[in-house]
Amino acid sequence: MKFFSILTLISLCIKLNAQNSGVFKFMDIPNNARAASLGGVIPTHNDSSIEYASSNPSLLSKTNEKNILINYTSYLADIHAGYLTYVINTNKKITIAPFVKYLHYGNFVETDETGQQIRNFTATDLAVGTSISKEFFTHFRYGINVNAIYSQLLYNNAAGLSTDYYIYYSTNSEQWGTTLAIENLGTQLFTYSKSNYEFLPLQVRLAGSLKLKKAPIRLHGAFNNLNRWDLVPPNETNQTVDPFTGEVKKKTLTLDNFSRHLAFAATLSPSKAFALNIGYDVRRGKESGFIDRKKLAGFSFGINIKLKKIIINYSLYGNGSGLNSNYFTLSFISLGKSKY
């Protein structure tokens, strides 16, 4: 009964957050290089890696005990981000991983109406939270993130609380896995201005992965934004005008709309010490960059190198127009008793 009560509460919160506008959008930035290299796909491969588990806490387990992950992201221009987590295994059933996540927007200059400089200032978003994972039923695991979020922009600041829910299912984690995720479910506690309350950027996603039997390749796929069908901005190709009433109607049941929910990725693992990832997010590819300068928009590339005690990850996250993000991640596994 408790499980179904939780589902009912989540369903109600989704309806309340249905008009999300994007405050605290930095929470959608991937937590590390390996996860970023999958593009818009949630990791669903339970290989006991802290990199995937930090982006999908339902993958956390006792094999991650005392692992540390440090990530730095050169996001856009002088904007940079970071993520730090440490895994605690409290007992054989529950795994906890506290974390800190930030996004620094760079340095700015405040001026008056004549152009005279008043002061220099910065802008930063910060989240402090905890991931919790536990097995339930057979072949199921759930993961929950609880986040306290703070944002400071010049004279204004905002704060909020959010939660993320993940349910992982697999009967053979080496071969396949699937995850249903509900992310950024929460509310603002106080806003930048009293008259401007914003909903958090709610996201409901379904993802899965499958390893090919006769090749060292794993395929990943996701259907994102299950809570929001219409993702295409209004334009002349998807709008019609009623000749009698003049009412503008928008076509939403289109292939373009469907495709923007999709993301794909593939992993090549020729050995246990080395892997390559490539991903493509259809929506990011369509919306990032300029029309004539798409370049790598939507694509993500990553390399994973496993040493004896340290795992090194790098990824390029394509935003188009030369504004690509670079992720650098170090994972330390020597502090735990288990092997990677």
C-alpha atoms as a PDB file:
ATOM      1  CA  MET A   1       0.000   0.000   0.000  1.00  0.00           C
ATOM      2  CA  LYS A   2       2.846   2.405   0.785  1.00  0.00           C
ATOM      3  CA  PHE A   3       4.270   1.881  -2.716  1.00  0.00           C
ATOM      4  CA  PHE A   4       0.980   2.758  -4.423  1.00  0.00           C
ATOM      5  CA  SER A   5       0.500   5.756  -2.104  1.00  0.00           C
ATOM      6  CA  ILE A   6       3.871   7.087  -3.264  1.00  0.00           C
ATOM      7  CA  LEU A   7       2.856   6.608  -6.908  1.00  0.00           C
ATOM      8  CA  THR A   8      -0.363   8.559  -6.282  1.00  0.00           C
ATOM      9  CA  LEU A   9       1.584  11.427  -4.692  1.00  0.00           C
ATOM     10  CA  ILE A  10       4.056  11.499  -7.576  1.00  0.00           C
ATOM     11  CA  SER A  11       1.182  11.549 -10.102  1.00  0.00           C
ATOM     12  CA  LEU A  12      -0.383  14.546  -8.322  1.00  0.00           C
ATOM     13  CA  CYS A  13       2.924  16.407  -8.251  1.00  0.00           C
ATOM     14  CA  ILE A  14       3.441  15.778 -11.978  1.00  0.00           C
ATOM     15  CA  LYS A  15       0.102  17.426 -12.719  1.00  0.00           C
ATOM     16  CA  LEU A  16       1.046  20.407 -10.556  1.00  0.00           C
ATOM     17  CA  ASN A  17       4.416  20.721 -12.328  1.00  0.00           C
ATOM     18  CA  ALA A  18       3.000  20.210 -15.819  1.00  0.00           C
ATOM     19  CA  GLN A  19       3.663  23.857 -16.736  1.00  0.00           C
ATOM     20  CA  ASN A  20       7.348  23.766 -15.789  1.00  0.00           C
ATOM     21  CA  SER A  21       9.237  26.810 -17.055  1.00  0.00           C
ATOM     22  CA  GLY A  22      12.866  26.006 -16.418  1.00  0.00           C
ATOM     23  CA  VAL A  23      14.110  27.549 -13.158  1.00  0.00           C
ATOM     24  CA  PHE A  24      17.127  25.629 -11.774  1.00  0.00           C
ATOM     25  CA  LYS A  25      17.673  24.272 -15.281  1.00  0.00           C
ATOM     26  CA  PHE A  26      21.292  23.489 -14.365  1.00  0.00           C
ATOM     27  CA  MET A  27      20.017  20.334 -12.640  1.00  0.00           C
ATOM     28  CA  ASP A  28      19.610  18.833 -16.139  1.00  0.00           C
ATOM     29  CA  ILE A  29      23.348  19.107 -16.880  1.00  0.00           C
ATOM     30  CA  PRO A  30      24.979  15.621 -16.874  1.00  0.00           C
ATOM     31  CA  ASN A  31      26.904  14.871 -13.691  1.00  0.00           C
ATOM     32  CA  ASN A  32      30.006  13.424 -15.317  1.00  0.00           C
ATOM     33  CA  ALA A  33      31.790  12.755 -18.596  1.00  0.00           C
ATOM     34  CA  ARG A  34      30.743   9.129 -19.032  1.00  0.00           C
ATOM     35  CA  ALA A  35      27.044   9.930 -18.585  1.00  0.00           C
ATOM     36  CA  ALA A  36      27.345  13.010 -20.823  1.00  0.00           C
ATOM     37  CA  SER A  37      28.816  10.900 -23.639  1.00  0.00           C
ATOM     38  CA  LEU A  38      25.492   9.027 -23.858  1.00  0.00           C
ATOM     39  CA  GLY A  39      23.796  12.245 -24.962  1.00  0.00           C
ATOM     40  CA  GLY A  40      20.250  12.379 -23.615  1.00  0.00           C
ATOM     41  CA  VAL A  41      20.101   8.716 -22.563  1.00  0.00           C
ATOM     42  CA  ILE A  42      19.904   7.737 -18.879  1.00  0.00           C
ATOM     43  CA  PRO A  43      22.553   5.099 -18.086  1.00  0.00           C
ATOM     44  CA  THR A  44      20.886   1.714 -17.584  1.00  0.00           C
ATOM     45  CA  HIS A  45      23.938  -0.553 -17.586  1.00  0.00           C
ATOM     46  CA  ASN A  46      24.516  -1.815 -14.045  1.00  0.00           C
ATOM     47  CA  ASP A  47      28.269  -2.482 -14.331  1.00  0.00           C
ATOM     48  CA  SER A  48      28.986  -1.248 -10.780  1.00  0.00           C
ATOM     49  CA  SER A  49      30.495   2.001 -12.099  1.00  0.00           C
ATOM     50  CA  ILE A  50      30.106   5.117  -9.982  1.00  0.00           C
ATOM     51  CA  GLU A  51      29.978   7.211 -13.201  1.00  0.00           C
ATOM     52  CA  TYR A  52      26.712   5.712 -14.390  1.00  0.00           C
ATOM     53  CA  ALA A  53      25.295   5.380 -10.865  1.00  0.00           C
ATOM     54  CA  SER A  54      25.784   9.096 -10.143  1.00  0.00           C
ATOM     55  CA  SER A  55      23.360   9.844 -12.998  1.00  0.00           C
ATOM     56  CA  ASN A  56      21.013   6.963 -12.209  1.00  0.00           C
ATOM     57  CA  PRO A  57      21.015   6.274  -8.441  1.00  0.00           C
ATOM     58  CA  SER A  58      18.985   3.087  -8.872  1.00  0.00           C
ATOM     59  CA  LEU A  59      22.285   1.587 -10.120  1.00  0.00           C
ATOM     60  CA  LEU A  60      24.019   2.312  -6.808  1.00  0.00           C
ATOM     61  CA  SER A  61      24.919  -0.783  -4.798  1.00  0.00           C
ATOM     62  CA  LYS A  62      27.344  -2.030  -2.154  1.00  0.00           C
ATOM     63  CA  THR A  63      29.970  -2.560  -4.883  1.00  0.00           C
ATOM     64  CA  ASN A  64      30.295   1.258  -5.050  1.00  0.00           C
ATOM     65  CA  GLU A  65      31.098   1.579  -1.329  1.00  0.00           C
ATOM     66  CA  LYS A  66      33.645   4.344  -0.576  1.00  0.00           C
ATOM     67  CA  ASN A  67      34.003   5.267  -4.244  1.00  0.00           C
ATOM     68  CA  ILE A  68      34.600   8.948  -5.040  1.00  0.00           C
ATOM     69  CA  LEU A  69      33.724  10.823  -8.237  1.00  0.00           C
ATOM     70  CA  ILE A  70      35.030  14.290  -9.117  1.00  0.00           C
ATOM     71  CA  ASN A  71      33.827  16.039 -12.269  1.00  0.00           C
ATOM     72  CA  TYR A  72      34.716  19.364 -13.875  1.00  0.00           C
ATOM     73  CA  THR A  73      32.877  20.729 -16.903  1.00  0.00           C
ATOM     74  CA  SER A  74      34.019  23.538 -19.153  1.00  0.00           C
ATOM     75  CA  TYR A  75      30.461  24.263 -20.236  1.00  0.00           C
ATOM     76  CA  LEU A  76      30.152  27.324 -22.499  1.00  0.00           C
ATOM     77  CA  ALA A  77      32.508  30.320 -22.766  1.00  0.00           C
ATOM     78  CA  ASP A  78      33.638  31.027 -19.164  1.00  0.00           C
ATOM     79  CA  ILE A  79      30.727  29.066 -17.661  1.00  0.00           C
ATOM     80  CA  HIS A  80      31.898  26.014 -15.745  1.00  0.00           C
ATOM     81  CA  ALA A  81      30.281  23.331 -13.605  1.00  0.00           C
ATOM     82  CA  GLY A  82      31.307  20.668 -11.125  1.00  0.00           C
ATOM     83  CA  TYR A  83      30.053  17.597  -9.321  1.00  0.00           C
ATOM     84  CA  LEU A  84      31.390  15.653  -6.334  1.00  0.00           C
ATOM     85  CA  THR A  85      29.981  12.524  -4.696  1.00  0.00           C
ATOM     86  CA  TYR A  86      31.061   9.888  -2.170  1.00  0.00           C
ATOM     87  CA  VAL A  87      29.323   6.531  -1.753  1.00  0.00           C
ATOM     88  CA  ILE A  88      28.370   5.182   1.686  1.00  0.00           C
ATOM     89  CA  ASN A  89      27.016   1.673   2.141  1.00  0.00           C
ATOM     90  CA  THR A  90      25.077   1.704   5.415  1.00  0.00           C
ATOM     91  CA  ASN A  91      24.170  -1.981   5.300  1.00  0.00           C
ATOM     92  CA  LYS A  92      23.649  -4.786   2.817  1.00  0.00           C
ATOM     93  CA  LYS A  93      20.426  -3.294   1.451  1.00  0.00           C
ATOM     94  CA  ILE A  94      20.675   0.521   1.385  1.00  0.00           C
ATOM     95  CA  THR A  95      23.348   2.583  -0.378  1.00  0.00           C
ATOM     96  CA  ILE A  96      23.688   6.340   0.200  1.00  0.00           C
ATOM     97  CA  ALA A  97      25.762   8.847  -1.788  1.00  0.00           C
ATOM     98  CA  PRO A  98      25.868  12.515  -0.680  1.00  0.00           C
ATOM     99  CA  PHE A  99      26.762  14.964  -3.468  1.00  0.00           C
ATOM    100  CA  VAL A 100      27.398  18.607  -4.346  1.00  0.00           C
ATOM    101  CA  LYS A 101      26.681  20.119  -7.759  1.00  0.00           C
ATOM    102  CA  TYR A 102      27.298  23.675  -8.973  1.00  0.00           C
ATOM    103  CA  LEU A 103      27.187  25.865 -12.072  1.00  0.00           C
ATOM    104  CA  HIS A 104      29.186  29.116 -12.181  1.00  0.00           C
ATOM    105  CA  TYR A 105      28.042  31.552 -14.874  1.00  0.00           C
ATOM    106  CA  GLY A 106      31.236  33.638 -14.973  1.00  0.00           C
ATOM    107  CA  ASN A 107      32.058  37.232 -14.113  1.00  0.00           C
ATOM    108  CA  PHE A 108      29.863  40.246 -14.924  1.00  0.00           C
ATOM    109  CA  VAL A 109      30.008  44.016 -14.617  1.00  0.00           C
ATOM    110  CA  GLU A 110      27.083  46.066 -13.292  1.00  0.00           C
ATOM    111  CA  THR A 111      26.764  49.544 -14.827  1.00  0.00           C
ATOM    112  CA  ASP A 112      24.370  52.466 -14.479  1.00  0.00           C
ATOM    113  CA  GLU A 113      22.377  54.019 -17.320  1.00  0.00           C
ATOM    114  CA  THR A 114      25.388  56.124 -18.412  1.00  0.00           C
ATOM    115  CA  GLY A 115      27.682  53.121 -18.638  1.00  0.00           C
ATOM    116  CA  GLN A 116      29.631  53.855 -15.462  1.00  0.00           C
ATOM    117  CA  GLN A 117      30.786  50.708 -13.708  1.00  0.00           C
ATOM    118  CA  ILE A 118      29.231  50.085 -10.299  1.00  0.00           C
ATOM    119  CA  ARG A 119      30.715  46.732  -9.332  1.00  0.00           C
ATOM    120  CA  ASN A 120      31.797  43.310 -10.515  1.00  0.00           C
ATOM    121  CA  PHE A 121      29.641  40.322  -9.629  1.00  0.00           C
ATOM    122  CA  THR A 122      29.189  36.624 -10.328  1.00  0.00           C
ATOM    123  CA  ALA A 123      26.207  34.280 -10.635  1.00  0.00           C
ATOM    124  CA  THR A 124      26.084  30.737  -9.304  1.00  0.00           C
ATOM    125  CA  ASP A 125      23.670  27.824  -8.912  1.00  0.00           C
ATOM    126  CA  LEU A 126      24.323  25.252  -6.189  1.00  0.00           C
ATOM    127  CA  ALA A 127      22.687  21.961  -5.201  1.00  0.00           C
ATOM    128  CA  VAL A 128      23.451  19.813  -2.167  1.00  0.00           C
ATOM    129  CA  GLY A 129      21.760  16.456  -1.911  1.00  0.00           C
ATOM    130  CA  THR A 130      21.805  12.737  -1.287  1.00  0.00           C
ATOM    131  CA  SER A 131      21.185   9.714  -3.481  1.00  0.00           C
ATOM    132  CA  ILE A 132      19.554   6.643  -1.926  1.00  0.00           C
ATOM    133  CA  SER A 133      19.268   3.212  -3.540  1.00  0.00           C
ATOM    134  CA  LYS A 134      17.658  -0.032  -2.448  1.00  0.00           C
ATOM    135  CA  GLU A 135      16.568  -3.304  -4.004  1.00  0.00           C
ATOM    136  CA  PHE A 136      12.856  -4.189  -3.903  1.00  0.00           C
ATOM    137  CA  PHE A 137      10.884  -7.104  -5.251  1.00  0.00           C
ATOM    138  CA  THR A 138      12.872  -9.388  -7.580  1.00  0.00           C
ATOM    139  CA  HIS A 139      15.109  -7.835 -10.245  1.00  0.00           C
ATOM    140  CA  PHE A 140      14.050  -4.282  -9.276  1.00  0.00           C
ATOM    141  CA  ARG A 141      16.015  -1.451  -7.687  1.00  0.00           C
ATOM    142  CA  TYR A 142      14.870   2.073  -6.916  1.00  0.00           C
ATOM    143  CA  GLY A 143      16.907   5.223  -6.544  1.00  0.00           C
ATOM    144  CA  ILE A 144      15.955   8.611  -5.101  1.00  0.00           C
ATOM    145  CA  ASN A 145      17.730  11.970  -5.154  1.00  0.00           C
ATOM    146  CA  VAL A 146      16.802  14.632  -2.608  1.00  0.00           C
ATOM    147  CA  ASN A 147      18.129  18.070  -3.588  1.00  0.00           C
ATOM    148  CA  ALA A 148      18.353  21.401  -1.777  1.00  0.00           C
ATOM    149  CA  ILE A 149      18.937  24.063  -4.444  1.00  0.00           C
ATOM    150  CA  TYR A 150      20.157  27.657  -4.180  1.00  0.00           C
ATOM    151  CA  SER A 151      20.651  30.245  -6.922  1.00  0.00           C
ATOM    152  CA  GLN A 152      22.243  33.708  -6.642  1.00  0.00           C
ATOM    153  CA  LEU A 153      21.970  36.294  -9.452  1.00  0.00           C
ATOM    154  CA  LEU A 154      23.236  39.792  -8.549  1.00  0.00           C
ATOM    155  CA  TYR A 155      20.829  41.197  -5.924  1.00  0.00           C
ATOM    156  CA  ASN A 156      18.345  38.353  -6.276  1.00  0.00           C
ATOM    157  CA  ASN A 157      18.383  34.771  -5.080  1.00  0.00           C
ATOM    158  CA  ALA A 158      16.094  31.778  -5.083  1.00  0.00           C
ATOM    159  CA  ALA A 159      15.930  28.414  -3.363  1.00  0.00           C
ATOM    160  CA  GLY A 160      13.994  25.219  -3.774  1.00  0.00           C
ATOM    161  CA  LEU A 161      13.648  21.555  -2.964  1.00  0.00           C
ATOM    162  CA  SER A 162      13.441  18.829  -5.585  1.00  0.00           C
ATOM    163  CA  THR A 163      13.414  15.055  -5.816  1.00  0.00           C
ATOM    164  CA  ASP A 164      14.251  12.552  -8.544  1.00  0.00           C
ATOM    165  CA  TYR A 165      12.860   8.999  -8.722  1.00  0.00           C
ATOM    166  CA  TYR A 166      14.341   6.079 -10.673  1.00  0.00           C
ATOM    167  CA  ILE A 167      13.160   2.473 -11.030  1.00  0.00           C
ATOM    168  CA  TYR A 168      15.604   0.015 -12.615  1.00  0.00           C
ATOM    169  CA  TYR A 169      14.633  -3.440 -13.879  1.00  0.00           C
ATOM    170  CA  SER A 170      16.722  -6.248 -15.316  1.00  0.00           C
ATOM    171  CA  THR A 171      16.893 -10.023 -15.121  1.00  0.00           C
ATOM    172  CA  ASN A 172      20.424 -10.014 -16.541  1.00  0.00           C
ATOM    173  CA  SER A 173      22.349  -6.786 -15.900  1.00  0.00           C
ATOM    174  CA  GLU A 174      25.243  -7.911 -18.110  1.00  0.00           C
ATOM    175  CA  GLN A 175      22.948  -8.104 -21.141  1.00  0.00           C
ATOM    176  CA  TRP A 176      20.218  -5.508 -20.702  1.00  0.00           C
ATOM    177  CA  GLY A 177      18.558  -3.032 -18.371  1.00  0.00           C
ATOM    178  CA  THR A 178      15.763  -0.454 -18.341  1.00  0.00           C
ATOM    179  CA  THR A 179      14.920   2.565 -16.191  1.00  0.00           C
ATOM    180  CA  LEU A 180      11.899   4.808 -15.685  1.00  0.00           C
ATOM    181  CA  ALA A 181      12.874   8.209 -14.289  1.00  0.00           C
ATOM    182  CA  ILE A 182      10.942  11.178 -12.889  1.00  0.00           C
ATOM    183  CA  GLU A 183      13.327  14.110 -12.423  1.00  0.00           C
ATOM    184  CA  ASN A 184      13.087  17.611 -10.950  1.00  0.00           C
ATOM    185  CA  LEU A 185       9.882  17.012  -9.048  1.00  0.00           C
ATOM    186  CA  GLY A 186       9.709  19.805  -6.492  1.00  0.00           C
ATOM    187  CA  THR A 187       9.017  23.448  -5.770  1.00  0.00           C
ATOM    188  CA  GLN A 188      10.633  26.808  -5.165  1.00  0.00           C
ATOM    189  CA  LEU A 189      10.842  27.869  -1.527  1.00  0.00           C
ATOM    190  CA  PHE A 190      11.465  31.507  -2.395  1.00  0.00           C
ATOM    191  CA  THR A 191      11.783  33.137  -5.800  1.00  0.00           C
ATOM    192  CA  TYR A 192      13.878  35.778  -7.544  1.00  0.00           C
ATOM    193  CA  SER A 193      10.865  38.084  -7.286  1.00  0.00           C
ATOM    194  CA  LYS A 194       7.687  37.666  -5.275  1.00  0.00           C
ATOM    195  CA  SER A 195       5.472  37.927  -8.357  1.00  0.00           C
ATOM    196  CA  ASN A 196       7.364  35.378 -10.449  1.00  0.00           C
ATOM    197  CA  TYR A 197       6.959  31.829  -9.155  1.00  0.00           C
ATOM    198  CA  GLU A 198       8.342  29.242 -11.569  1.00  0.00           C
ATOM    199  CA  PHE A 199       7.874  25.487 -11.757  1.00  0.00           C
ATOM    200  CA  LEU A 200      10.924  23.263 -11.892  1.00  0.00           C
ATOM    201  CA  PRO A 201      11.899  21.667 -15.262  1.00  0.00           C
ATOM    202  CA  LEU A 202      10.079  18.375 -14.707  1.00  0.00           C
ATOM    203  CA  GLN A 203      11.257  15.503 -16.883  1.00  0.00           C
ATOM    204  CA  VAL A 204       9.865  11.952 -17.195  1.00  0.00           C
ATOM    205  CA  ARG A 205      12.050   9.537 -19.159  1.00  0.00           C
ATOM    206  CA  LEU A 206      12.202   5.889 -20.163  1.00  0.00           C
ATOM    207  CA  ALA A 207      15.540   4.398 -21.180  1.00  0.00           C
ATOM    208  CA  GLY A 208      17.098   1.026 -21.895  1.00  0.00           C
ATOM    209  CA  SER A 209      20.286  -0.652 -23.098  1.00  0.00           C
ATOM    210  CA  LEU A 210      21.140  -3.946 -24.785  1.00  0.00           C
ATOM    211  CA  LYS A 211      24.493  -5.656 -25.355  1.00  0.00           C
ATOM    212  CA  LEU A 212      25.008  -7.405 -28.675  1.00  0.00           C
ATOM    213  CA  LYS A 213      25.719 -11.115 -28.238  1.00  0.00           C
ATOM    214  CA  LYS A 214      28.565 -11.450 -30.726  1.00  0.00           C
ATOM    215  CA  ALA A 215      30.217  -8.023 -30.508  1.00  0.00           C
ATOM    216  CA  PRO A 216      31.632  -5.793 -27.711  1.00  0.00           C
ATOM    217  CA  ILE A 217      28.936  -3.217 -28.409  1.00  0.00           C
ATOM    218  CA  ARG A 218      26.083  -1.987 -26.218  1.00  0.00           C
ATOM    219  CA  LEU A 219      23.185  -0.007 -27.669  1.00  0.00           C
ATOM    220  CA  HIS A 220      21.330   2.619 -25.628  1.00  0.00           C
ATOM    221  CA  GLY A 221      18.054   4.400 -26.291  1.00  0.00           C
ATOM    222  CA  ALA A 222      15.646   6.760 -24.518  1.00  0.00           C
ATOM    223  CA  PHE A 223      12.244   8.346 -24.939  1.00  0.00           C
ATOM    224  CA  ASN A 224      12.409  11.658 -23.065  1.00  0.00           C
ATOM    225  CA  ASN A 225       9.756  14.133 -21.934  1.00  0.00           C
ATOM    226  CA  LEU A 226       7.005  11.572 -21.448  1.00  0.00           C
ATOM    227  CA  ASN A 227       5.157  14.267 -19.484  1.00  0.00           C
ATOM    228  CA  ARG A 228       5.158  16.737 -22.379  1.00  0.00           C
ATOM    229  CA  TRP A 229       4.292  15.751 -25.925  1.00  0.00           C
ATOM    230  CA  ASP A 230       4.566  19.067 -27.769  1.00  0.00           C
ATOM    231  CA  LEU A 231       8.255  20.029 -28.059  1.00  0.00           C
ATOM    232  CA  VAL A 232       8.226  21.874 -31.391  1.00  0.00           C
ATOM    233  CA  PRO A 233       8.189  25.712 -31.303  1.00  0.00           C
ATOM    234  CA  PRO A 234       5.341  27.329 -33.280  1.00  0.00           C
ATOM    235  CA  ASN A 235       6.279  27.994 -36.915  1.00  0.00           C
ATOM    236  CA  GLU A 236       4.606  28.422 -40.295  1.00  0.00           C
ATOM    237  CA  THR A 237       4.923  24.718 -41.159  1.00  0.00           C
ATOM    238  CA  ASN A 238       2.962  23.441 -38.157  1.00  0.00           C
ATOM    239  CA  GLN A 239       0.279  26.130 -37.898  1.00  0.00           C
ATOM    240  CA  THR A 240      -2.981  26.620 -39.779  1.00  0.00           C
ATOM    241  CA  VAL A 241      -5.471  29.474 -39.662  1.00  0.00           C
ATOM    242  CA  ASP A 242      -9.203  28.789 -39.618  1.00  0.00           C
ATOM    243  CA  PRO A 243     -10.601  30.796 -42.594  1.00  0.00           C
ATOM    244  CA  PHE A 244     -13.891  31.475 -40.797  1.00  0.00           C
ATOM    245  CA  THR A 245     -12.787  32.313 -37.235  1.00  0.00           C
ATOM    246  CA  GLY A 246      -9.167  33.356 -37.814  1.00  0.00           C
ATOM    247  CA  GLU A 247      -8.137  31.030 -34.981  1.00  0.00           C
ATOM    248  CA  VAL A 248      -4.560  29.773 -35.215  1.00  0.00           C
ATOM    249  CA  LYS A 249      -4.259  26.041 -34.695  1.00  0.00           C
ATOM    250  CA  LYS A 250      -1.017  24.144 -34.212  1.00  0.00           C
ATOM    251  CA  LYS A 251      -0.360  20.610 -35.466  1.00  0.00           C
ATOM    252  CA  THR A 252       1.232  18.540 -32.706  1.00  0.00           C
ATOM    253  CA  LEU A 253       0.783  14.976 -33.957  1.00  0.00           C
ATOM    254  CA  THR A 254       3.821  15.093 -36.263  1.00  0.00           C
ATOM    255  CA  LEU A 255       6.944  13.059 -36.920  1.00  0.00           C
ATOM    256  CA  ASP A 256       9.045  16.087 -35.945  1.00  0.00           C
ATOM    257  CA  ASN A 257       7.397  16.154 -32.515  1.00  0.00           C
ATOM    258  CA  PHE A 258       7.887  12.421 -32.017  1.00  0.00           C
ATOM    259  CA  SER A 259      11.561  12.495 -33.038  1.00  0.00           C
ATOM    260  CA  ARG A 260      12.432  15.226 -30.515  1.00  0.00           C
ATOM    261  CA  HIS A 261      11.689  12.799 -27.695  1.00  0.00           C
ATOM    262  CA  LEU A 262      14.358  10.359 -28.869  1.00  0.00           C
ATOM    263  CA  ALA A 263      18.026   9.918 -27.946  1.00  0.00           C
ATOM    264  CA  PHE A 264      20.433   7.163 -28.972  1.00  0.00           C
ATOM    265  CA  ALA A 265      23.911   6.008 -27.974  1.00  0.00           C
ATOM    266  CA  ALA A 266      26.375   3.160 -28.484  1.00  0.00           C
ATOM    267  CA  THR A 267      29.304   1.881 -26.432  1.00  0.00           C
ATOM    268  CA  LEU A 268      32.305   0.065 -27.873  1.00  0.00           C
ATOM    269  CA  SER A 269      34.215  -1.895 -25.205  1.00  0.00           C
ATOM    270  CA  PRO A 270      37.099  -3.814 -26.828  1.00  0.00           C
ATOM    271  CA  SER A 271      38.588  -4.461 -23.349  1.00  0.00           C
ATOM    272  CA  LYS A 272      37.739  -3.983 -19.674  1.00  0.00           C
ATOM    273  CA  ALA A 273      40.217  -1.107 -19.473  1.00  0.00           C
ATOM    274  CA  PHE A 274      38.939   0.960 -22.392  1.00  0.00           C
ATOM    275  CA  ALA A 275      35.603   2.053 -23.872  1.00  0.00           C
ATOM    276  CA  LEU A 276      34.250   4.577 -26.353  1.00  0.00           C
ATOM    277  CA  ASN A 277      30.783   6.149 -26.283  1.00  0.00           C
ATOM    278  CA  ILE A 278      28.896   8.068 -28.944  1.00  0.00           C
ATOM    279  CA  GLY A 279      25.423   9.525 -28.483  1.00  0.00           C
ATOM    280  CA  TYR A 280      22.897  11.684 -30.287  1.00  0.00           C
ATOM    281  CA  ASP A 281      20.031  13.678 -28.809  1.00  0.00           C
ATOM    282  CA  VAL A 282      17.557  14.526 -31.571  1.00  0.00           C
ATOM    283  CA  ARG A 283      16.007  17.501 -29.783  1.00  0.00           C
ATOM    284  CA  ARG A 284      19.362  19.054 -28.888  1.00  0.00           C
ATOM    285  CA  GLY A 285      20.514  18.496 -32.447  1.00  0.00           C
ATOM    286  CA  LYS A 286      17.498  20.343 -33.837  1.00  0.00           C
ATOM    287  CA  GLU A 287      17.499  23.203 -31.337  1.00  0.00           C
ATOM    288  CA  SER A 288      21.218  23.856 -30.732  1.00  0.00           C
ATOM    289  CA  GLY A 289      23.356  26.069 -32.898  1.00  0.00           C
ATOM    290  CA  PHE A 290      22.499  28.201 -35.889  1.00  0.00           C
ATOM    291  CA  ILE A 291      20.782  26.829 -38.975  1.00  0.00           C
ATOM    292  CA  ASP A 292      23.969  27.022 -41.081  1.00  0.00           C
ATOM    293  CA  ARG A 293      26.374  26.122 -38.258  1.00  0.00           C
ATOM    294  CA  LYS A 294      24.995  22.963 -36.654  1.00  0.00           C
ATOM    295  CA  LYS A 295      28.341  21.115 -36.715  1.00  0.00           C
ATOM    296  CA  LEU A 296      28.314  18.669 -33.747  1.00  0.00           C
ATOM    297  CA  ALA A 297      24.964  19.824 -32.358  1.00  0.00           C
ATOM    298  CA  GLY A 298      23.230  16.939 -30.621  1.00  0.00           C
ATOM    299  CA  PHE A 299      26.231  14.606 -30.714  1.00  0.00           C
ATOM    300  CA  SER A 300      28.287  13.444 -27.735  1.00  0.00           C
ATOM    301  CA  PHE A 301      31.574  11.555 -27.716  1.00  0.00           C
ATOM    302  CA  GLY A 302      33.415  10.019 -24.771  1.00  0.00           C
ATOM    303  CA  ILE A 303      36.413   7.935 -23.781  1.00  0.00           C
ATOM    304  CA  ASN A 304      36.673   5.779 -20.651  1.00  0.00           C
ATOM    305  CA  ILE A 305      40.059   4.534 -19.384  1.00  0.00           C
ATOM    306  CA  LYS A 306      40.281   2.250 -16.362  1.00  0.00           C
ATOM    307  CA  LEU A 307      43.526   2.060 -14.449  1.00  0.00           C
ATOM    308  CA  LYS A 308      44.123  -0.011 -11.343  1.00  0.00           C
ATOM    309  CA  LYS A 309      42.857   2.570  -8.849  1.00  0.00           C
ATOM    310  CA  ILE A 310      41.640   5.473 -10.969  1.00  0.00           C
ATOM    311  CA  ILE A 311      39.120   5.764 -13.813  1.00  0.00           C
ATOM    312  CA  ILE A 312      39.579   8.636 -16.270  1.00  0.00           C
ATOM    313  CA  ASN A 313      36.711   9.901 -18.408  1.00  0.00           C
ATOM    314  CA  TYR A 314      36.538  12.649 -21.003  1.00  0.00           C
ATOM    315  CA  SER A 315      33.619  13.632 -23.216  1.00  0.00           C
ATOM    316  CA  LEU A 316      32.715  16.274 -25.770  1.00  0.00           C
ATOM    317  CA  TYR A 317      29.094  17.413 -25.502  1.00  0.00           C
ATOM    318  CA  GLY A 318      28.012  18.979 -28.806  1.00  0.00           C
ATOM    319  CA  ASN A 319      25.956  22.182 -28.591  1.00  0.00           C
ATOM    320  CA  GLY A 320      26.619  23.400 -32.135  1.00  0.00           C
ATOM    321  CA  SER A 321      28.150  26.653 -33.448  1.00  0.00           C
ATOM    322  CA  GLY A 322      31.496  25.746 -31.860  1.00  0.00           C
ATOM    323  CA  LEU A 323      29.986  26.095 -28.363  1.00  0.00           C
ATOM    324  CA  ASN A 324      30.732  22.563 -27.219  1.00  0.00           C
ATOM    325  CA  SER A 325      31.158  21.443 -23.610  1.00  0.00           C
ATOM    326  CA  ASN A 326      34.130  19.480 -22.309  1.00  0.00           C
ATOM    327  CA  TYR A 327      33.706  17.078 -19.381  1.00  0.00           C
ATOM    328  CA  PHE A 328      36.617  15.757 -17.294  1.00  0.00           C
ATOM    329  CA  THR A 329      35.917  13.108 -14.643  1.00  0.00           C
ATOM    330  CA  LEU A 330      38.099  11.202 -12.186  1.00  0.00           C
ATOM    331  CA  SER A 331      36.701   8.262 -10.225  1.00  0.00           C
ATOM    332  CA  PHE A 332      38.613   6.721  -7.323  1.00  0.00           C
ATOM    333  CA  ILE A 333      37.782   3.110  -6.525  1.00  0.00           C
ATOM    334  CA  SER A 334      40.741   2.194  -4.301  1.00  0.00           C
ATOM    335  CA  LEU A 335      38.970   3.376  -1.144  1.00  0.00           C
ATOM    336  CA  GLY A 336      36.444   0.546  -1.260  1.00  0.00           C
ATOM    337  CA  LYS A 337      36.895  -3.146  -0.696  1.00  0.00           C
ATOM    338  CA  SER A 338      35.196  -4.256  -3.902  1.00  0.00           C
ATOM    339  CA  LYS A 339      36.612  -4.311  -7.421  1.00  0.00           C
ATOM    340  CA  TYR A 340      35.270  -2.217 -10.313  1.00  0.00           C
END
